[in-house]
Amino acid sequence: MQEKLSIHGAWSNRWVFVMAATGSAVGLGNIWKFPYITGENGGGAFVLVYLVCILMVGIPIMVSEVLIGRRGRQSPINSMKDLAVESGLSPRWSLAGWVGALAGVMIFSFYSVVAGWVLYYVAGMANGDFIDIGSEMAGKRFEVLLADAETLLIWHSVFVVMVMTVVAGGVSKGLERATRIMMPALFVLLFILLAYSMTSGAFGQGFDFLFHFDPSQLTWNAVLVALGHSFFTLSLGMGSIMAYGSYMPKKASIGSTVMMIAVLDTLVALVAGLAIFPIVFANQLDPGAGPGLMFITLPVAFGQMPGGHIFGFLFFVLIAVAAWTSAISLMEPAAAWIVEKFGIKRVPACTALGALVWLLGVACLGSFNFMSDFKIGSMTFFDLMDFATANIMLPLGGLFIAIFAGWKIKRYALEDELSFKQNFWFSAWYFSIRYIAPVAVAVIFALNLYNKFAE
């Protein structure tokens, strides 16, 4: 297959790709979910198991996505089709790209609603609305927000415009320019909040919650939690990393680059935990509040602490930036395909795509108010989008990619992209993507469905 360049452009260097892919991986789940599941499942012992899962499942699939993207130099849909044809396979393998692109659009439909909540809290913190607020009042405020369709619509619309404006700018003027600004800002905000957290008086308690090494808490369920999170945390199965890989310089090493992304993603999650949980413990609040931790528990904590409204504002700006970088990557695969398919410019392509995801988002936000009675089975439209993507489409996408890279692509194409040849690292990756990753993702897929329908 002759070397070619993407019509969409290319990253100026490897580090931009690292930052963009890290931005894709770092999202809302990193900030509250990973620190909490770490503390609840054995602390340092859980982190150790999680890192093994990252090495054996997350990284092999991520390497596969990047190499498919760079080899194809197109949207995930067309890259999968071209690589299939190159390997003498049916072009119907492009269906795996379709699964990812559609999953990205569907995830964005409800992700933008949650991001809208974050923007609302950014504005509220800036106005000092949460100073001295109590738990009951904070909970009530969040309930009122969910019931207010008009306010949700405004912030959802703002977030859609924020994301599609960046995607419409293309690789160099949109994605790369945004990455160069937002990712350094994210790290600066994170470490400012960490420094503030260290003054809370409960930093040792928060550190112990995250890093106490307790193998007795490492149940079989904890291992499955680590396995599941190792897949979902790296934005796998939705085509985002494949799309970003298509803009990656040919000379850059895929293996070492993916390793850096995995390390940065894990680092952000752990530092976020060190920034959040000392504040939670200092105010005798519940660290297991789940999503409520972000919108109810933490506003109370920031509202009670000296200078808390300033750092609460910075915290929600951090969350907004993390959501923004992730959401951009969700839209890129579909936007790239529309440009390729219809031969149109980025702006009209992103305008049409933005209108579609905006409408889907309206249905999702309506699940909390004017469409709350509309249900498919027992699920609202918001729940349905979440369930279909997290439990079916993403695991299927990851499974297809593992099988395609491990069993279907010609070996010479893999060796050409990875530049591993016959050495140990190629053999380790090849074994993992053929035997370990597909089984692990199949287990995630089966258990997610079992847990859902066993409720």
Protein backbone atom coordinates (compact mmCIF):
# COMPACT_ATOMS: atom_id res chain seq x y z
CA MET A 1 0.00 0.00 0.00
CA GLN A 2 1.53 3.26 -1.11
CA GLU A 3 2.13 5.92 1.54
CA LYS A 4 -0.49 8.63 1.39
CA LEU A 5 -1.58 11.67 3.37
CA SER A 6 -4.99 12.45 4.80
CA ILE A 7 -7.02 15.02 2.89
CA HIS A 8 -7.90 16.48 6.28
CA GLY A 9 -4.30 17.40 7.15
CA ALA A 10 -1.79 16.11 9.70
CA TRP A 11 -0.52 16.81 13.21
CA SER A 12 2.59 19.01 13.07
CA ASN A 13 4.47 16.61 15.37
CA ARG A 14 4.07 13.55 17.57
CA TRP A 15 3.55 15.52 20.79
CA VAL A 16 0.49 17.24 19.39
CA PHE A 17 -0.97 13.81 18.66
CA VAL A 18 -0.10 12.67 22.20
CA MET A 19 -1.87 15.71 23.68
CA ALA A 20 -4.89 15.38 21.36
CA ALA A 21 -5.31 11.67 22.09
CA THR A 22 -4.84 12.29 25.82
CA GLY A 23 -7.52 14.97 25.59
CA SER A 24 -9.79 12.43 23.92
CA ALA A 25 -9.15 9.90 26.69
CA VAL A 26 -9.41 12.33 29.63
CA GLY A 27 -13.07 13.00 30.26
CA LEU A 28 -15.67 13.22 33.00
CA GLY A 29 -15.02 9.62 34.09
CA ASN A 30 -11.36 10.34 34.86
CA ILE A 31 -12.25 13.11 37.25
CA TRP A 32 -14.72 11.33 39.51
CA LYS A 33 -15.12 7.66 38.53
CA PHE A 34 -11.56 6.31 38.47
CA PRO A 35 -10.46 7.84 41.80
CA TYR A 36 -13.57 6.50 43.50
CA ILE A 37 -13.39 2.95 42.14
CA THR A 38 -9.69 2.92 43.08
CA GLY A 39 -10.42 3.84 46.68
CA GLU A 40 -13.25 1.34 46.97
CA ASN A 41 -11.38 -1.61 45.49
CA GLY A 42 -8.09 -1.86 47.31
CA GLY A 43 -6.32 1.40 46.49
CA GLY A 44 -2.79 0.71 45.31
CA ALA A 45 -3.59 -2.97 44.74
CA PHE A 46 -6.41 -1.98 42.39
CA VAL A 47 -4.13 0.49 40.54
CA LEU A 48 -1.66 -2.35 40.01
CA VAL A 49 -4.36 -4.62 38.52
CA TYR A 50 -5.68 -1.72 36.44
CA LEU A 51 -2.22 -1.04 34.99
CA VAL A 52 -1.88 -4.72 34.04
CA CYS A 53 -5.26 -4.49 32.29
CA ILE A 54 -4.14 -1.32 30.50
CA LEU A 55 -0.99 -3.10 29.31
CA MET A 56 -2.78 -6.26 28.16
CA VAL A 57 -6.06 -4.85 26.83
CA GLY A 58 -6.17 -1.05 26.54
CA ILE A 59 -2.79 -0.44 24.93
CA PRO A 60 -2.97 -3.33 22.39
CA ILE A 61 -6.37 -2.13 21.12
CA MET A 62 -5.25 1.50 21.09
CA VAL A 63 -2.13 0.56 19.10
CA SER A 64 -4.43 -1.27 16.66
CA GLU A 65 -6.69 1.75 16.23
CA VAL A 66 -3.75 4.08 15.61
CA LEU A 67 -2.10 1.78 13.08
CA ILE A 68 -5.38 1.27 11.17
CA GLY A 69 -5.93 5.02 11.11
CA ARG A 70 -2.40 5.85 10.00
CA ARG A 71 -2.38 3.11 7.37
CA GLY A 72 -5.73 4.22 5.93
CA ARG A 73 -5.29 8.01 6.31
CA GLN A 74 -9.07 8.48 6.16
CA SER A 75 -12.10 8.42 8.42
CA PRO A 76 -12.42 5.18 10.43
CA ILE A 77 -15.14 3.95 8.06
CA ASN A 78 -13.00 4.32 4.94
CA SER A 79 -9.73 3.30 6.63
CA MET A 80 -11.29 0.01 7.73
CA LYS A 81 -12.64 -0.56 4.21
CA ASP A 82 -9.31 0.16 2.49
CA LEU A 83 -7.26 -2.00 4.86
CA ALA A 84 -9.74 -4.84 4.41
CA VAL A 85 -9.39 -4.61 0.63
CA GLU A 86 -5.58 -4.43 0.95
CA SER A 87 -5.66 -7.67 2.95
CA GLY A 88 -8.01 -9.38 0.48
CA LEU A 89 -11.05 -9.12 2.73
CA SER A 90 -14.60 -7.92 2.24
CA PRO A 91 -15.05 -4.11 2.31
CA ARG A 92 -17.91 -4.82 4.72
CA TRP A 93 -15.32 -4.58 7.50
CA SER A 94 -16.09 -0.86 7.22
CA LEU A 95 -19.11 -1.71 9.40
CA ALA A 96 -16.73 -1.64 12.37
CA GLY A 97 -15.94 1.97 11.48
CA TRP A 98 -19.65 2.69 11.22
CA VAL A 99 -20.25 1.27 14.70
CA GLY A 100 -17.59 3.60 16.11
CA ALA A 101 -18.72 6.73 14.25
CA LEU A 102 -22.38 6.19 15.19
CA ALA A 103 -21.41 5.49 18.79
CA GLY A 104 -19.53 8.81 18.88
CA VAL A 105 -22.59 10.71 17.65
CA MET A 106 -24.86 8.94 20.12
CA ILE A 107 -22.49 9.46 23.05
CA PHE A 108 -22.20 13.13 22.21
CA SER A 109 -25.98 13.47 22.31
CA PHE A 110 -26.05 12.89 26.08
CA TYR A 111 -22.47 13.92 26.85
CA SER A 112 -23.29 17.45 25.66
CA VAL A 113 -26.20 17.57 28.11
CA VAL A 114 -23.94 16.65 31.04
CA ALA A 115 -21.31 19.10 29.77
CA GLY A 116 -24.07 21.71 29.77
CA TRP A 117 -24.57 21.06 33.48
CA VAL A 118 -20.85 21.68 33.95
CA LEU A 119 -21.04 25.02 32.10
CA TYR A 120 -23.99 26.01 34.29
CA TYR A 121 -21.88 25.30 37.37
CA VAL A 122 -18.95 27.26 35.93
CA ALA A 123 -21.24 30.28 35.68
CA GLY A 124 -22.71 29.62 39.14
CA MET A 125 -19.29 29.37 40.77
CA ALA A 126 -18.20 32.57 39.02
CA ASN A 127 -21.25 34.34 40.45
CA GLY A 128 -20.61 33.03 43.97
CA ASP A 129 -23.93 31.17 44.02
CA PHE A 130 -22.54 28.28 46.08
CA ILE A 131 -20.91 30.18 48.94
CA ASP A 132 -22.02 28.64 52.27
CA ILE A 133 -24.51 26.36 50.51
CA GLY A 134 -25.69 23.27 52.42
CA SER A 135 -26.14 19.72 51.13
CA GLU A 136 -29.92 19.96 51.00
CA MET A 137 -29.87 23.24 49.11
CA ALA A 138 -27.18 21.95 46.70
CA GLY A 139 -29.26 18.86 45.96
CA LYS A 140 -32.36 20.99 45.44
CA ARG A 141 -30.50 23.31 43.08
CA PHE A 142 -29.39 20.37 40.95
CA GLU A 143 -32.96 18.99 40.85
CA VAL A 144 -34.27 22.39 39.75
CA LEU A 145 -31.65 22.54 37.01
CA LEU A 146 -32.68 19.13 35.63
CA ALA A 147 -36.33 20.15 35.62
CA ASP A 148 -35.58 23.43 33.77
CA ALA A 149 -35.61 22.42 30.10
CA GLU A 150 -34.98 25.96 28.90
CA THR A 151 -31.77 26.38 30.92
CA LEU A 152 -30.56 22.92 29.91
CA LEU A 153 -31.27 23.77 26.27
CA ILE A 154 -29.22 26.96 26.45
CA TRP A 155 -26.13 25.29 27.92
CA HIS A 156 -26.46 22.22 25.69
CA SER A 157 -26.58 24.54 22.67
CA VAL A 158 -23.54 26.49 23.86
CA PHE A 159 -21.52 23.29 24.25
CA VAL A 160 -22.53 21.97 20.80
CA VAL A 161 -21.38 25.26 19.24
CA MET A 162 -18.10 25.12 21.20
CA VAL A 163 -17.34 21.62 19.95
CA MET A 164 -18.46 21.94 16.34
CA THR A 165 -16.59 25.24 15.90
CA VAL A 166 -13.33 23.45 16.72
CA VAL A 167 -14.12 20.42 14.53
CA ALA A 168 -15.10 22.72 11.63
CA GLY A 169 -11.62 24.28 11.76
CA GLY A 170 -10.04 21.03 10.56
CA VAL A 171 -6.87 19.40 11.85
CA SER A 172 -4.42 22.32 11.92
CA LYS A 173 -6.71 25.31 12.50
CA GLY A 174 -9.23 23.48 14.67
CA LEU A 175 -8.11 20.34 16.48
CA GLU A 176 -4.41 21.17 16.82
CA ARG A 177 -4.90 24.81 17.76
CA ALA A 178 -7.45 23.84 20.42
CA THR A 179 -5.19 21.05 21.74
CA ARG A 180 -2.22 23.41 22.09
CA ILE A 181 -4.31 25.70 24.29
CA MET A 182 -6.65 23.39 26.17
CA MET A 183 -4.34 20.57 27.23
CA PRO A 184 -1.71 22.79 28.92
CA ALA A 185 -4.63 24.65 30.55
CA LEU A 186 -6.04 21.35 31.81
CA PHE A 187 -2.73 20.34 33.42
CA VAL A 188 -2.20 23.79 34.96
CA LEU A 189 -5.71 23.80 36.45
CA LEU A 190 -5.27 20.26 37.75
CA PHE A 191 -2.07 21.06 39.61
CA ILE A 192 -3.44 24.34 40.98
CA LEU A 193 -6.33 22.35 42.45
CA LEU A 194 -3.90 19.73 43.78
CA ALA A 195 -1.93 22.45 45.56
CA TYR A 196 -5.15 23.85 47.02
CA SER A 197 -6.22 20.37 48.12
CA MET A 198 -2.94 19.94 50.01
CA THR A 199 -3.98 22.85 52.27
CA SER A 200 -7.36 21.30 53.11
CA GLY A 201 -6.12 19.49 56.21
CA ALA A 202 -7.21 16.07 54.97
CA PHE A 203 -4.66 15.41 52.24
CA GLY A 204 -3.25 12.39 54.07
CA GLN A 205 -6.71 10.88 54.38
CA GLY A 206 -7.38 11.40 50.67
CA PHE A 207 -3.97 9.94 49.76
CA ASP A 208 -4.62 6.90 51.93
CA PHE A 209 -8.08 6.42 50.38
CA LEU A 210 -6.50 6.25 46.93
CA PHE A 211 -3.24 4.43 47.59
CA HIS A 212 -3.68 2.18 50.62
CA PHE A 213 -2.52 -1.25 49.44
CA ASP A 214 -5.22 -3.69 50.49
CA PRO A 215 -5.23 -6.92 48.41
CA SER A 216 -8.09 -8.26 50.55
CA GLN A 217 -10.43 -5.84 48.71
CA LEU A 218 -9.32 -7.21 45.34
CA THR A 219 -12.38 -9.32 44.68
CA TRP A 220 -13.18 -10.87 41.31
CA ASN A 221 -15.62 -8.01 40.79
CA ALA A 222 -12.81 -5.48 41.43
CA VAL A 223 -10.72 -7.15 38.72
CA LEU A 224 -13.66 -6.91 36.30
CA VAL A 225 -14.11 -3.23 37.21
CA ALA A 226 -10.42 -2.63 36.44
CA LEU A 227 -10.75 -4.53 33.15
CA GLY A 228 -13.81 -2.55 32.09
CA HIS A 229 -12.31 0.81 32.99
CA SER A 230 -9.04 -0.01 31.21
CA PHE A 231 -11.05 -0.31 27.99
CA PHE A 232 -13.39 2.65 28.36
CA THR A 233 -10.90 5.17 29.77
CA LEU A 234 -8.80 5.28 26.58
CA SER A 235 -11.73 6.22 24.30
CA LEU A 236 -11.54 2.89 22.48
CA GLY A 237 -14.11 1.37 20.15
CA MET A 238 -15.58 4.66 18.93
CA GLY A 239 -13.16 5.57 16.14
CA SER A 240 -11.80 8.70 17.84
CA ILE A 241 -8.28 7.36 18.27
CA MET A 242 -8.38 5.84 14.77
CA ALA A 243 -9.33 9.22 13.30
CA TYR A 244 -6.59 10.98 15.25
CA GLY A 245 -4.13 8.25 14.20
CA SER A 246 -4.84 9.02 10.54
CA TYR A 247 -3.23 12.44 11.07
CA MET A 248 -0.14 11.01 12.82
CA PRO A 249 3.32 11.53 11.27
CA LYS A 250 4.67 8.38 9.58
CA LYS A 251 8.02 8.56 11.39
CA ALA A 252 6.47 8.60 14.87
CA SER A 253 6.59 5.35 16.85
CA ILE A 254 3.06 4.10 17.48
CA GLY A 255 4.01 1.87 20.44
CA SER A 256 5.90 4.45 22.52
CA THR A 257 3.36 7.15 21.64
CA VAL A 258 0.43 5.04 22.85
CA MET A 259 2.34 4.19 26.04
CA MET A 260 2.71 7.92 26.77
CA ILE A 261 -0.99 8.51 26.21
CA ALA A 262 -1.91 5.68 28.61
CA VAL A 263 0.49 7.01 31.26
CA LEU A 264 -0.84 10.57 30.97
CA ASP A 265 -4.46 9.39 31.11
CA THR A 266 -3.77 7.41 34.30
CA LEU A 267 -1.74 10.26 35.79
CA VAL A 268 -4.58 12.73 35.25
CA ALA A 269 -7.06 10.37 36.90
CA LEU A 270 -4.86 9.83 39.98
CA VAL A 271 -3.95 13.51 40.38
CA ALA A 272 -7.64 14.38 40.04
CA GLY A 273 -8.33 11.97 42.90
CA LEU A 274 -5.65 13.61 45.03
CA ALA A 275 -7.18 17.00 44.24
CA ILE A 276 -10.79 16.00 44.96
CA PHE A 277 -10.93 13.54 47.84
CA PRO A 278 -8.99 15.52 50.48
CA ILE A 279 -11.57 18.29 49.97
CA VAL A 280 -14.39 15.77 50.32
CA PHE A 281 -12.94 14.27 53.52
CA ALA A 282 -12.13 17.68 55.00
CA ASN A 283 -15.83 18.49 54.85
CA GLN A 284 -17.00 15.07 56.13
CA LEU A 285 -18.78 14.35 52.85
CA ASP A 286 -19.45 11.06 51.06
CA PRO A 287 -16.67 10.03 48.62
CA GLY A 288 -18.99 7.46 47.07
CA ALA A 289 -21.54 9.92 45.79
CA GLY A 290 -20.87 8.98 42.13
CA PRO A 291 -21.98 11.61 39.61
CA GLY A 292 -23.60 13.47 42.50
CA LEU A 293 -20.08 14.02 43.86
CA MET A 294 -19.48 16.54 41.10
CA PHE A 295 -22.75 18.43 41.14
CA ILE A 296 -23.85 18.21 44.78
CA THR A 297 -21.06 17.12 47.13
CA LEU A 298 -18.17 19.20 45.75
CA PRO A 299 -20.13 22.47 45.42
CA VAL A 300 -20.98 22.12 49.13
CA ALA A 301 -17.31 21.47 49.95
CA PHE A 302 -16.04 24.43 47.93
CA GLY A 303 -18.79 26.63 49.36
CA GLN A 304 -17.65 25.92 52.93
CA MET A 305 -13.89 26.45 52.43
CA PRO A 306 -11.90 29.70 52.51
CA GLY A 307 -11.49 30.86 48.92
CA GLY A 308 -13.50 27.83 47.90
CA HIS A 309 -15.66 29.65 45.37
CA ILE A 310 -12.53 30.64 43.41
CA PHE A 311 -11.16 27.12 43.37
CA GLY A 312 -14.63 25.71 42.75
CA PHE A 313 -14.78 27.90 39.66
CA LEU A 314 -11.36 26.60 38.54
CA PHE A 315 -12.49 23.01 39.21
CA PHE A 316 -15.54 23.30 36.96
CA VAL A 317 -13.48 25.04 34.29
CA LEU A 318 -11.16 22.01 34.47
CA ILE A 319 -14.12 19.66 34.03
CA ALA A 320 -15.43 21.76 31.13
CA VAL A 321 -12.05 21.62 29.36
CA ALA A 322 -11.86 17.84 29.87
CA ALA A 323 -15.38 17.44 28.48
CA TRP A 324 -14.58 19.74 25.54
CA THR A 325 -11.45 17.85 24.46
CA SER A 326 -13.26 14.51 24.70
CA ALA A 327 -16.31 15.72 22.82
CA ILE A 328 -14.21 17.06 19.93
CA SER A 329 -12.80 13.58 19.38
CA LEU A 330 -16.32 12.09 19.45
CA MET A 331 -17.36 14.21 16.47
CA GLU A 332 -14.21 13.95 14.36
CA PRO A 333 -14.85 10.46 12.85
CA ALA A 334 -18.34 11.36 11.57
CA ALA A 335 -17.23 14.82 10.38
CA ALA A 336 -14.28 13.34 8.45
CA TRP A 337 -16.53 10.75 6.79
CA ILE A 338 -19.09 13.37 5.67
CA VAL A 339 -16.31 15.43 4.06
CA GLU A 340 -14.94 12.34 2.27
CA LYS A 341 -18.33 10.98 1.21
CA PHE A 342 -19.91 14.15 -0.12
CA GLY A 343 -16.80 16.12 -1.09
CA ILE A 344 -17.90 19.20 0.84
CA LYS A 345 -16.03 21.65 3.05
CA ARG A 346 -15.69 21.20 6.79
CA VAL A 347 -18.00 24.07 7.76
CA PRO A 348 -21.18 22.82 6.01
CA ALA A 349 -20.35 19.24 7.05
CA CYS A 350 -20.04 20.26 10.70
CA THR A 351 -23.13 22.47 10.50
CA ALA A 352 -25.23 19.52 9.35
CA LEU A 353 -23.67 17.15 11.88
CA GLY A 354 -24.04 19.75 14.64
CA ALA A 355 -27.76 20.13 13.87
CA LEU A 356 -28.21 16.36 14.14
CA VAL A 357 -26.43 15.98 17.48
CA TRP A 358 -28.18 19.08 18.81
CA LEU A 359 -31.58 17.50 18.08
CA LEU A 360 -30.55 14.21 19.69
CA GLY A 361 -29.32 16.19 22.69
CA VAL A 362 -32.69 17.93 23.00
CA ALA A 363 -34.34 14.50 23.29
CA CYS A 364 -31.75 13.49 25.91
CA LEU A 365 -32.23 16.59 28.07
CA GLY A 366 -35.98 16.14 27.70
CA SER A 367 -35.60 12.83 29.56
CA PHE A 368 -35.30 14.87 32.77
CA ASN A 369 -38.38 17.02 32.18
CA PHE A 370 -40.78 17.28 29.21
CA MET A 371 -39.99 13.76 27.87
CA SER A 372 -39.61 12.03 31.23
CA ASP A 373 -42.66 9.83 30.57
CA PHE A 374 -41.34 8.66 27.19
CA LYS A 375 -39.60 5.35 27.80
CA ILE A 376 -38.33 2.41 25.81
CA GLY A 377 -38.87 -0.44 28.22
CA SER A 378 -37.80 1.09 31.51
CA MET A 379 -35.25 3.47 29.94
CA THR A 380 -35.58 7.14 29.11
CA PHE A 381 -34.05 8.34 25.83
CA PHE A 382 -30.96 9.53 27.79
CA ASP A 383 -30.63 6.10 29.43
CA LEU A 384 -31.10 4.35 26.08
CA MET A 385 -28.29 6.33 24.41
CA ASP A 386 -26.01 5.60 27.37
CA PHE A 387 -26.90 1.90 27.50
CA ALA A 388 -26.65 1.26 23.76
CA THR A 389 -23.22 2.87 23.45
CA ALA A 390 -21.51 1.76 26.68
CA ASN A 391 -22.89 -1.77 26.79
CA ILE A 392 -23.20 -2.73 23.13
CA MET A 393 -21.56 -0.46 20.55
CA LEU A 394 -18.22 0.34 22.20
CA PRO A 395 -17.44 -3.26 23.27
CA LEU A 396 -18.48 -4.48 19.81
CA GLY A 397 -16.30 -1.84 18.17
CA GLY A 398 -13.34 -2.84 20.33
CA LEU A 399 -13.94 -6.53 19.61
CA PHE A 400 -14.10 -5.95 15.84
CA ILE A 401 -10.88 -3.92 15.92
CA ALA A 402 -9.03 -6.57 17.96
CA ILE A 403 -10.12 -9.36 15.61
CA PHE A 404 -9.39 -7.27 12.50
CA ALA A 405 -5.88 -6.26 13.64
CA GLY A 406 -4.99 -9.60 15.21
CA TRP A 407 -6.41 -12.03 12.68
CA LYS A 408 -7.31 -10.29 9.41
CA ILE A 409 -4.76 -7.61 8.45
CA LYS A 410 -1.76 -8.96 6.57
CA ARG A 411 1.25 -9.24 8.83
CA TYR A 412 3.50 -7.17 6.54
CA ALA A 413 1.12 -4.19 6.95
CA LEU A 414 1.28 -4.49 10.75
CA GLU A 415 5.09 -4.70 10.73
CA ASP A 416 5.36 -1.75 8.35
CA GLU A 417 3.27 0.52 10.58
CA LEU A 418 4.65 -0.63 13.92
CA SER A 419 8.29 -0.96 12.82
CA PHE A 420 8.66 -3.72 15.43
CA LYS A 421 9.61 -6.42 12.90
CA GLN A 422 10.35 -9.65 14.79
CA ASN A 423 11.38 -8.21 18.13
CA PHE A 424 9.90 -8.90 21.55
CA TRP A 425 7.51 -5.93 21.57
CA PHE A 426 5.85 -6.89 18.32
CA SER A 427 5.41 -10.46 19.54
CA ALA A 428 3.95 -9.25 22.86
CA TRP A 429 1.51 -6.91 21.13
CA TYR A 430 0.58 -9.53 18.52
CA PHE A 431 -0.14 -12.15 21.18
CA SER A 432 -2.23 -9.70 23.22
CA ILE A 433 -4.30 -8.45 20.30
CA ARG A 434 -4.96 -11.98 19.04
CA TYR A 435 -5.71 -13.82 22.26
CA ILE A 436 -6.01 -11.61 25.34
CA ALA A 437 -7.77 -8.43 24.18
CA PRO A 438 -10.63 -10.10 22.23
CA VAL A 439 -11.44 -12.41 25.14
CA ALA A 440 -11.27 -9.54 27.66
CA VAL A 441 -13.56 -7.31 25.58
CA ALA A 442 -15.98 -10.19 25.03
CA VAL A 443 -16.09 -10.67 28.81
CA ILE A 444 -16.80 -6.94 29.30
CA PHE A 445 -19.54 -7.15 26.66
CA ALA A 446 -21.20 -10.21 28.20
CA LEU A 447 -21.01 -9.00 31.79
CA ASN A 448 -22.33 -5.53 30.98
CA LEU A 449 -25.39 -7.06 29.38
CA TYR A 450 -25.81 -9.61 32.17
CA ASN A 451 -25.56 -6.97 34.90
CA LYS A 452 -28.04 -4.74 33.10
CA PHE A 453 -30.71 -7.37 32.61
CA ALA A 454 -30.12 -9.03 35.97
CA GLU A 455 -31.06 -5.83 37.81
